Each structure stands twice: as C-alpha cells, then as structure tokens.
C-alpha atoms as a PDB file:
ATOM      1  CA  MET A   1     -48.674  27.606  77.638  1.00  0.00           C
ATOM      2  CA  SER A   2     -46.682  25.012  79.810  1.00  0.00           C
ATOM      3  CA  SER A   3     -47.737  21.029  79.694  1.00  0.00           C
ATOM      4  CA  ARG A   4     -49.125  21.654  83.072  1.00  0.00           C
ATOM      5  CA  LYS A   5     -51.741  24.253  82.177  1.00  0.00           C
ATOM      6  CA  PHE A   6     -52.680  22.803  78.853  1.00  0.00           C
ATOM      7  CA  SER A   7     -53.344  19.493  80.883  1.00  0.00           C
ATOM      8  CA  GLY A   8     -54.887  21.535  83.149  1.00  0.00           C
ATOM      9  CA  SER A   9     -57.627  23.279  80.818  1.00  0.00           C
ATOM     10  CA  LEU A  10     -58.186  19.836  79.105  1.00  0.00           C
ATOM     11  CA  LEU A  11     -59.314  17.984  82.270  1.00  0.00           C
ATOM     12  CA  ILE A  12     -61.435  21.608  82.952  1.00  0.00           C
ATOM     13  CA  SER A  13     -62.901  21.453  79.395  1.00  0.00           C
ATOM     14  CA  LEU A  14     -63.271  17.253  79.619  1.00  0.00           C
ATOM     15  CA  PHE A  15     -65.254  17.607  83.112  1.00  0.00           C
ATOM     16  CA  SER A  16     -67.524  20.464  81.730  1.00  0.00           C
ATOM     17  CA  HIS A  17     -68.607  18.782  78.929  1.00  0.00           C
ATOM     18  CA  ILE A  18     -69.329  15.414  80.936  1.00  0.00           C
ATOM     19  CA  ALA A  19     -70.807  18.064  83.406  1.00  0.00           C
ATOM     20  CA  ILE A  20     -72.875  19.081  80.654  1.00  0.00           C
ATOM     21  CA  SER A  21     -74.237  15.360  79.446  1.00  0.00           C
ATOM     22  CA  LEU A  22     -75.103  14.141  82.765  1.00  0.00           C
ATOM     23  CA  GLY A  23     -77.172  17.739  83.016  1.00  0.00           C
ATOM     24  CA  VAL A  24     -78.969  16.927  80.505  1.00  0.00           C
ATOM     25  CA  LEU A  25     -79.608  13.682  81.153  1.00  0.00           C
ATOM     26  CA  GLY A  26     -80.784  14.587  84.296  1.00  0.00           C
ATOM     27  CA  PHE A  27     -78.260  13.358  86.415  1.00  0.00           C
ATOM     28  CA  THR A  28     -77.246  16.044  88.258  1.00  0.00           C
ATOM     29  CA  ALA A  29     -78.401  17.368  92.098  1.00  0.00           C
ATOM     30  CA  ASN A  30     -80.312  19.896  91.038  1.00  0.00           C
ATOM     31  CA  SER A  31     -82.185  18.634  87.808  1.00  0.00           C
ATOM     32  CA  ALA A  32     -82.412  15.084  88.460  1.00  0.00           C
ATOM     33  CA  PHE A  33     -85.162  14.339  85.780  1.00  0.00           C
ATOM     34  CA  ALA A  34     -86.697  17.324  86.130  1.00  0.00           C
ATOM     35  CA  THR A  35     -90.575  18.229  84.387  1.00  0.00           C
ATOM     36  CA  GLU A  36     -90.652  16.740  81.107  1.00  0.00           C
ATOM     37  CA  ALA A  37     -93.588  15.654  78.301  1.00  0.00           C
ATOM     38  CA  THR A  38     -93.461  13.745  75.488  1.00  0.00           C
ATOM     39  CA  LEU A  39     -95.201  12.932  72.385  1.00  0.00           C
ATOM     40  CA  GLY A  40     -95.545   9.526  71.782  1.00  0.00           C
ATOM     41  CA  THR A  41     -98.348   9.133  69.027  1.00  0.00           C
ATOM     42  CA  LEU A  42     -99.723  11.314  65.957  1.00  0.00           C
ATOM     43  CA  LEU A  43    -102.341   9.595  64.392  1.00  0.00           C
ATOM     44  CA  PHE A  44    -104.489  10.329  61.065  1.00  0.00           C
ATOM     45  CA  SER A  45    -105.638   7.426  58.986  1.00  0.00           C
ATOM     46  CA  SER A  46    -107.864   6.506  56.060  1.00  0.00           C
ATOM     47  CA  GLN A  47    -108.951   3.148  55.379  1.00  0.00           C
ATOM     48  CA  LYS A  48    -111.342   1.384  52.238  1.00  0.00           C
ATOM     49  CA  SER A  49    -112.332  -1.382  52.668  1.00  0.00           C
ATOM     50  CA  LYS A  50    -112.994  -4.056  49.724  1.00  0.00           C
ATOM     51  CA  SER A  51    -113.874  -7.678  49.486  1.00  0.00           C
ATOM     52  CA  ASP A  52    -114.347  -9.578  45.897  1.00  0.00           C
ATOM     53  CA  GLY A  53    -114.149  -6.267  44.640  1.00  0.00           C
ATOM     54  CA  VAL A  54    -116.807  -4.811  46.245  1.00  0.00           C
ATOM     55  CA  ASP A  55    -117.064  -2.016  48.688  1.00  0.00           C
ATOM     56  CA  SER A  56    -117.650  -3.033  51.894  1.00  0.00           C
ATOM     57  CA  GLY A  57    -116.619  -0.147  53.966  1.00  0.00           C
ATOM     58  CA  SER A  58    -114.441   2.629  55.180  1.00  0.00           C
ATOM     59  CA  LYS A  59    -112.925   4.232  58.083  1.00  0.00           C
ATOM     60  CA  SER A  60    -111.292   7.060  59.004  1.00  0.00           C
ATOM     61  CA  ALA A  61    -108.972   7.996  62.806  1.00  0.00           C
ATOM     62  CA  PHE A  62    -107.336  10.400  64.367  1.00  0.00           C
ATOM     63  CA  GLY A  63    -105.248   9.409  67.739  1.00  0.00           C
ATOM     64  CA  VAL A  64    -102.895  11.372  69.732  1.00  0.00           C
ATOM     65  CA  THR A  65    -101.039  10.497  72.890  1.00  0.00           C
ATOM     66  CA  GLY A  66     -98.556  11.697  75.287  1.00  0.00           C
ATOM     67  CA  ARG A  67     -97.068  11.376  78.396  1.00  0.00           C
ATOM     68  CA  TYR A  68     -96.420  14.089  81.126  1.00  0.00           C
ATOM     69  CA  HIS A  69     -93.054  13.300  83.831  1.00  0.00           C
ATOM     70  CA  ASP A  70     -91.770  14.736  87.121  1.00  0.00           C
ATOM     71  CA  THR A  71     -89.148  13.554  89.583  1.00  0.00           C
ATOM     72  CA  LEU A  72     -88.865  11.562  92.549  1.00  0.00           C
ATOM     73  CA  SER A  73     -85.413  11.602  93.390  1.00  0.00           C
ATOM     74  CA  GLN A  74     -81.720  11.194  91.356  1.00  0.00           C
ATOM     75  CA  THR A  75     -82.772   8.052  89.644  1.00  0.00           C
ATOM     76  CA  MET A  76     -86.268   7.531  89.865  1.00  0.00           C
ATOM     77  CA  SER A  77     -89.582   9.425  87.654  1.00  0.00           C
ATOM     78  CA  TRP A  78     -93.288   9.017  88.072  1.00  0.00           C
ATOM     79  CA  PHE A  79     -95.597   9.671  84.687  1.00  0.00           C
ATOM     80  CA  ALA A  80     -99.036  10.091  83.473  1.00  0.00           C
ATOM     81  CA  THR A  81    -100.083   8.725  80.122  1.00  0.00           C
ATOM     82  CA  GLY A  82    -102.537  10.348  78.270  1.00  0.00           C
ATOM     83  CA  GLY A  83    -104.515   9.824  74.958  1.00  0.00           C
ATOM     84  CA  ILE A  84    -107.516  10.019  72.806  1.00  0.00           C
ATOM     85  CA  GLY A  85    -108.713   8.709  69.548  1.00  0.00           C
ATOM     86  CA  ILE A  86    -111.400   9.571  67.281  1.00  0.00           C
ATOM     87  CA  ASN A  87    -113.361   6.790  64.753  1.00  0.00           C
ATOM     88  CA  SER A  88    -115.789   7.436  61.857  1.00  0.00           C
ATOM     89  CA  TYR A  89    -116.828   4.290  59.726  1.00  0.00           C
ATOM     90  CA  SER A  90    -118.722   4.609  56.630  1.00  0.00           C
ATOM     91  CA  SER A  91    -121.197   1.380  55.283  1.00  0.00           C
ATOM     92  CA  GLY A  92    -120.283   0.248  52.402  1.00  0.00           C
ATOM     93  CA  ASN A  93    -122.742  -2.112  49.971  1.00  0.00           C
ATOM     94  CA  SER A  94    -123.631  -4.165  52.857  1.00  0.00           C
ATOM     95  CA  GLY A  95    -124.993  -1.112  54.150  1.00  0.00           C
ATOM     96  CA  LYS A  96    -123.805  -1.930  57.645  1.00  0.00           C
ATOM     97  CA  ALA A  97    -121.386   0.100  59.202  1.00  0.00           C
ATOM     98  CA  PRO A  98    -120.228   0.451  63.634  1.00  0.00           C
ATOM     99  CA  ASP A  99    -121.280   3.499  64.856  1.00  0.00           C
ATOM    100  CA  ASN A 100    -118.602   6.129  65.693  1.00  0.00           C
ATOM    101  CA  SER A 101    -116.288   5.630  68.490  1.00  0.00           C
ATOM    102  CA  VAL A 102    -113.500   7.253  70.856  1.00  0.00           C
ATOM    103  CA  ASP A 103    -110.745   5.548  72.133  1.00  0.00           C
ATOM    104  CA  LEU A 104    -109.282   6.847  75.766  1.00  0.00           C
ATOM    105  CA  LEU A 105    -106.118   6.066  77.388  1.00  0.00           C
ATOM    106  CA  LEU A 106    -105.591   7.292  80.924  1.00  0.00           C
ATOM    107  CA  GLY A 107    -102.025   5.548  82.678  1.00  0.00           C
ATOM    108  CA  GLY A 108     -99.420   6.368  85.191  1.00  0.00           C
ATOM    109  CA  GLY A 109     -96.867   5.138  86.830  1.00  0.00           C
ATOM    110  CA  VAL A 110     -93.020   5.089  88.215  1.00  0.00           C
ATOM    111  CA  ARG A 111     -89.421   4.556  86.224  1.00  0.00           C
ATOM    112  CA  TYR A 112     -86.136   3.562  87.530  1.00  0.00           C
ATOM    113  CA  TYR A 113     -83.146   4.909  85.066  1.00  0.00           C
ATOM    114  CA  PHE A 114     -79.755   2.624  85.500  1.00  0.00           C
ATOM    115  CA  SER A 115     -76.196   3.562  84.971  1.00  0.00           C
ATOM    116  CA  PRO A 116     -75.852   5.380  81.580  1.00  0.00           C
ATOM    117  CA  LEU A 117     -74.698   3.678  78.805  1.00  0.00           C
ATOM    118  CA  SER A 118     -72.721   6.841  77.565  1.00  0.00           C
ATOM    119  CA  GLN A 119     -72.613  10.520  77.606  1.00  0.00           C
ATOM    120  CA  SER A 120     -75.890  10.643  75.732  1.00  0.00           C
ATOM    121  CA  ALA A 121     -78.006   7.063  76.626  1.00  0.00           C
ATOM    122  CA  VAL A 122     -79.184   6.482  79.513  1.00  0.00           C
ATOM    123  CA  PRO A 123     -81.708   2.996  80.412  1.00  0.00           C
ATOM    124  CA  PHE A 124     -84.739   2.763  82.499  1.00  0.00           C
ATOM    125  CA  GLY A 125     -87.217   0.237  83.585  1.00  0.00           C
ATOM    126  CA  PHE A 126     -91.114   1.086  84.238  1.00  0.00           C
ATOM    127  CA  ALA A 127     -94.341  -0.097  85.686  1.00  0.00           C
ATOM    128  CA  GLY A 128     -97.335   1.403  85.739  1.00  0.00           C
ATOM    129  CA  GLY A 129    -101.224   0.880  85.270  1.00  0.00           C
ATOM    130  CA  SER A 130    -103.641   2.182  82.995  1.00  0.00           C
ATOM    131  CA  TYR A 131    -107.372   2.364  82.374  1.00  0.00           C
ATOM    132  CA  LYS A 132    -107.924   1.652  78.361  1.00  0.00           C
ATOM    133  CA  SER A 133    -110.995   2.001  76.134  1.00  0.00           C
ATOM    134  CA  ALA A 134    -110.513   1.034  72.763  1.00  0.00           C
ATOM    135  CA  SER A 135    -112.685  -0.480  69.604  1.00  0.00           C
ATOM    136  CA  GLN A 136    -111.289  -2.387  66.765  1.00  0.00           C
ATOM    137  CA  SER A 137    -113.273  -3.082  63.737  1.00  0.00           C
ATOM    138  CA  GLU A 138    -113.259  -5.070  60.353  1.00  0.00           C
ATOM    139  CA  PHE A 139    -115.927  -5.116  57.193  1.00  0.00           C
ATOM    140  CA  ASN A 140    -116.525  -7.717  54.837  1.00  0.00           C
ATOM    141  CA  LYS A 141    -118.697  -8.068  52.151  1.00  0.00           C
ATOM    142  CA  VAL A 142    -122.102  -8.719  54.345  1.00  0.00           C
ATOM    143  CA  GLY A 143    -121.493  -6.424  56.979  1.00  0.00           C
ATOM    144  CA  TYR A 144    -118.693  -6.014  60.008  1.00  0.00           C
ATOM    145  CA  THR A 145    -116.937  -7.060  62.855  1.00  0.00           C
ATOM    146  CA  GLU A 146    -116.239  -5.176  65.996  1.00  0.00           C
ATOM    147  CA  LYS A 147    -114.169  -5.912  69.339  1.00  0.00           C
ATOM    148  CA  THR A 148    -113.974  -3.453  71.905  1.00  0.00           C
ATOM    149  CA  VAL A 149    -112.387  -3.353  74.961  1.00  0.00           C
ATOM    150  CA  ASN A 150    -112.809  -1.374  78.745  1.00  0.00           C
ATOM    151  CA  GLY A 151    -111.070  -2.455  81.746  1.00  0.00           C
ATOM    152  CA  LEU A 152    -108.133  -1.986  83.880  1.00  0.00           C
ATOM    153  CA  PHE A 153    -104.203  -3.381  82.945  1.00  0.00           C
ATOM    154  CA  HIS A 154    -100.760  -3.406  84.749  1.00  0.00           C
ATOM    155  CA  SER A 155     -97.730  -3.514  82.471  1.00  0.00           C
ATOM    156  CA  ALA A 156     -94.009  -3.328  82.287  1.00  0.00           C
ATOM    157  CA  GLY A 157     -90.912  -2.998  80.549  1.00  0.00           C
ATOM    158  CA  LEU A 158     -87.531  -1.456  79.098  1.00  0.00           C
ATOM    159  CA  GLY A 159     -86.659   1.543  77.372  1.00  0.00           C
ATOM    160  CA  PHE A 160     -83.508   4.023  76.774  1.00  0.00           C
ATOM    161  CA  ARG A 161     -83.404   7.592  76.254  1.00  0.00           C
ATOM    162  CA  MET A 162     -81.017   9.679  74.013  1.00  0.00           C
ATOM    163  CA  ALA A 163     -80.435  13.063  74.446  1.00  0.00           C
ATOM    164  CA  LEU A 164     -80.723  15.691  71.519  1.00  0.00           C
ATOM    165  CA  ASP A 165     -79.388  18.545  73.181  1.00  0.00           C
ATOM    166  CA  ASP A 166     -80.205  21.017  76.372  1.00  0.00           C
ATOM    167  CA  SER A 167     -83.924  20.320  76.071  1.00  0.00           C
ATOM    168  CA  LEU A 168     -84.745  17.696  73.571  1.00  0.00           C
ATOM    169  CA  PHE A 169     -84.265  14.281  74.167  1.00  0.00           C
ATOM    170  CA  PHE A 170     -85.421  11.013  72.278  1.00  0.00           C
ATOM    171  CA  GLU A 171     -86.954   7.410  73.771  1.00  0.00           C
ATOM    172  CA  LEU A 172     -87.288   4.222  72.872  1.00  0.00           C
ATOM    173  CA  GLU A 173     -89.614   1.752  74.904  1.00  0.00           C
ATOM    174  CA  SER A 174     -90.482  -1.647  74.957  1.00  0.00           C
ATOM    175  CA  THR A 175     -93.603  -3.179  76.752  1.00  0.00           C
ATOM    176  CA  PHE A 176     -92.368  -6.885  77.973  1.00  0.00           C
ATOM    177  CA  TYR A 177     -96.242  -7.310  79.405  1.00  0.00           C
ATOM    178  CA  GLU A 178     -99.430  -6.356  79.659  1.00  0.00           C
ATOM    179  CA  SER A 179    -102.118  -7.837  81.185  1.00  0.00           C
ATOM    180  CA  PRO A 180    -105.633  -6.817  82.620  1.00  0.00           C
ATOM    181  CA  LEU A 181    -106.808  -6.564  86.183  1.00  0.00           C
ATOM    182  CA  LEU A 182    -110.256  -5.994  85.165  1.00  0.00           C
ATOM    183  CA  ALA A 183    -111.238  -5.944  81.824  1.00  0.00           C
ATOM    184  CA  ILE A 184    -114.656  -6.688  79.603  1.00  0.00           C
ATOM    185  CA  GLU A 185    -114.083  -7.508  76.130  1.00  0.00           C
ATOM    186  CA  LYS A 186    -117.217  -7.681  73.498  1.00  0.00           C
ATOM    187  CA  THR A 187    -117.392  -8.819  69.995  1.00  0.00           C
ATOM    188  CA  ILE A 188    -120.206  -7.728  67.653  1.00  0.00           C
ATOM    189  CA  THR A 189    -120.766  -9.382  64.682  1.00  0.00           C
ATOM    190  CA  ALA A 190    -123.333  -7.863  61.529  1.00  0.00           C
ATOM    191  CA  SER A 191    -124.028 -10.181  59.138  1.00  0.00           C
ATOM    192  CA  GLY A 192    -127.094  -9.460  56.496  1.00  0.00           C
ATOM    193  CA  THR A 193    -130.062  -8.360  59.110  1.00  0.00           C
ATOM    194  CA  THR A 194    -128.430 -10.446  61.946  1.00  0.00           C
ATOM    195  CA  GLU A 195    -126.028  -9.189  64.782  1.00  0.00           C
ATOM    196  CA  THR A 196    -124.592 -11.783  67.587  1.00  0.00           C
ATOM    197  CA  LYS A 197    -123.071  -9.996  70.584  1.00  0.00           C
ATOM    198  CA  ASP A 198    -120.516 -11.992  72.303  1.00  0.00           C
ATOM    199  CA  GLU A 199    -119.002 -10.461  75.928  1.00  0.00           C
ATOM    200  CA  LYS A 200    -116.064 -11.504  77.979  1.00  0.00           C
ATOM    201  CA  THR A 201    -115.080 -10.283  81.370  1.00  0.00           C
ATOM    202  CA  THR A 202    -111.313 -10.990  82.452  1.00  0.00           C
ATOM    203  CA  MET A 203    -110.164 -10.747  85.837  1.00  0.00           C
ATOM    204  CA  GLN A 204    -106.396 -11.555  86.363  1.00  0.00           C
ATOM    205  CA  LEU A 205    -102.974 -11.067  88.353  1.00  0.00           C
ATOM    206  CA  PHE A 206    -100.844 -12.759  85.792  1.00  0.00           C
ATOM    207  CA  ALA A 207     -97.867 -11.079  84.378  1.00  0.00           C
ATOM    208  CA  GLN A 208     -96.173 -13.244  81.325  1.00  0.00           C
ATOM    209  CA  THR A 209     -93.327 -12.487  79.010  1.00  0.00           C
ATOM    210  CA  PHE A 210     -93.870 -12.608  75.453  1.00  0.00           C
ATOM    211  CA  GLY A 211     -90.504 -11.151  73.666  1.00  0.00           C
ATOM    212  CA  PRO A 212     -88.922  -8.171  73.621  1.00  0.00           C
ATOM    213  CA  PHE A 213     -89.849  -5.264  71.166  1.00  0.00           C
ATOM    214  CA  ASN A 214     -93.560  -6.119  71.707  1.00  0.00           C
ATOM    215  CA  ASN A 215     -94.874  -2.785  71.635  1.00  0.00           C
ATOM    216  CA  VAL A 216     -92.207  -0.516  70.997  1.00  0.00           C
ATOM    217  CA  PHE A 217     -93.502   3.042  71.902  1.00  0.00           C
ATOM    218  CA  LEU A 218     -91.136   6.033  70.472  1.00  0.00           C
ATOM    219  CA  SER A 219     -91.694   9.490  71.543  1.00  0.00           C
ATOM    220  CA  LEU A 220     -89.527  12.850  71.416  1.00  0.00           C
ATOM    221  CA  GLY A 221     -89.896  15.094  74.965  1.00  0.00           C
ATOM    222  CA  MET A 222     -88.572  18.529  76.143  1.00  0.00           C
ATOM    223  CA  LYS A 223     -88.002  19.575  79.355  1.00  0.00           C
ATOM    224  CA  LEU A 224     -90.813  22.221  80.383  1.00  0.00           C
END
C-alpha cells in the first residue's frame, strides 16, 4: 500500500471517529441534542433519632427525580424535570411525630451547549424555574421541628456531559443560585403539650451566587 493511500485511509478513519463522537454528543445536523431522558435521583433512606440515649423518633423516605430533554437547535435544548418523595414518620418516647408527607418537584428550562472540551465532553449552561413542595423534620426528646416550603423558584448554573457510548451519557451540573420567586415557608415546633406554628412568605426577583458546586446534580441518561 502506498504512503498516499495509507494517509488517505488514516484521515478517513480519523474523520469517521470524530464524526461519530460528535454525533453521540449531538452536534450533527440531523440529531442535535435529540430526545433524551435522565435519572437524577433514586433514594431510599431510613433514619432513627436518639436524644440523650432516648428514642425520639424515626423517618423513612423514598424519592425519585428524572428529566426529559428535547432539542431546540444544534446548541440549545429545553428540559422538563419532575420528582416525587414520600416521607413516613414514627414517634419516639415523646409520642409526637409529623404527619406523613409527599414532596413534589415540577420544573423546566433551557440549556445552551458550548464548544466541546474534547471528543466526549461538552460544557453547558442552564436556566430554569420550578415549583417545589418539600418538608424536613428533626426530632428531639420532647417533640420535633418541621420545616416546609411551597412555591416558585428560579435558578441557573453550569455543567458538562460525558458520552459513555452511542446512547448513554453521564452529566454533572452545579446550580450557582436558586432563589424564590414566590414561596411560603412554615415551621412547626411541637414540644410537650404545645405546638407553635410560624409562617413566612417570600417574594423576590433576586439572584446571588453563593459559590460553585453548591448543589451538584449527577445524572445518567439515555437517548430515546
């Protein structure tokens, strides 16, 4: 085989590999960042609290979060995010426990994909909004404190994706800020025979970054 034919075959092979890699990443004219689904969270946890050696209560939780993507252009896509969590509580020695609750997340937004860092990694920026309903409880030996939030939030951040093969990919993203657009926060403190309820309503158009990797979201996705 002549050196010219060998060089030609090498160039064809090289360009083929590059084209395949870019196709996986969605930069070909036909596929862009095509229809995709990602699984971000799959959680099951069981917690039992003690205060000064006394059983103060327990919590079981199950949650799942996923995302759906579709292309807008070769460098932009839109996404929809959904999540649900189920929290179950049991009282301890105090005889008090929060009511069982359901956490809910519904949101969406847009992404912009920057130039690839390599043949398999692409950085992106994103901005979006969401509705959240979530609760968090802490037990103590005389009762519990429960904090809940319901409302609309807006956020933005950066991330990158890494192609694993023709259809699977891995993503890591960090939310630089998440701010309430209109949210209601409630705190319930149950202690002995008393129960105190505090409520705060927040309405603001304000965005402040508080450090990179404040809220890192890892996900594994597949092209549909």
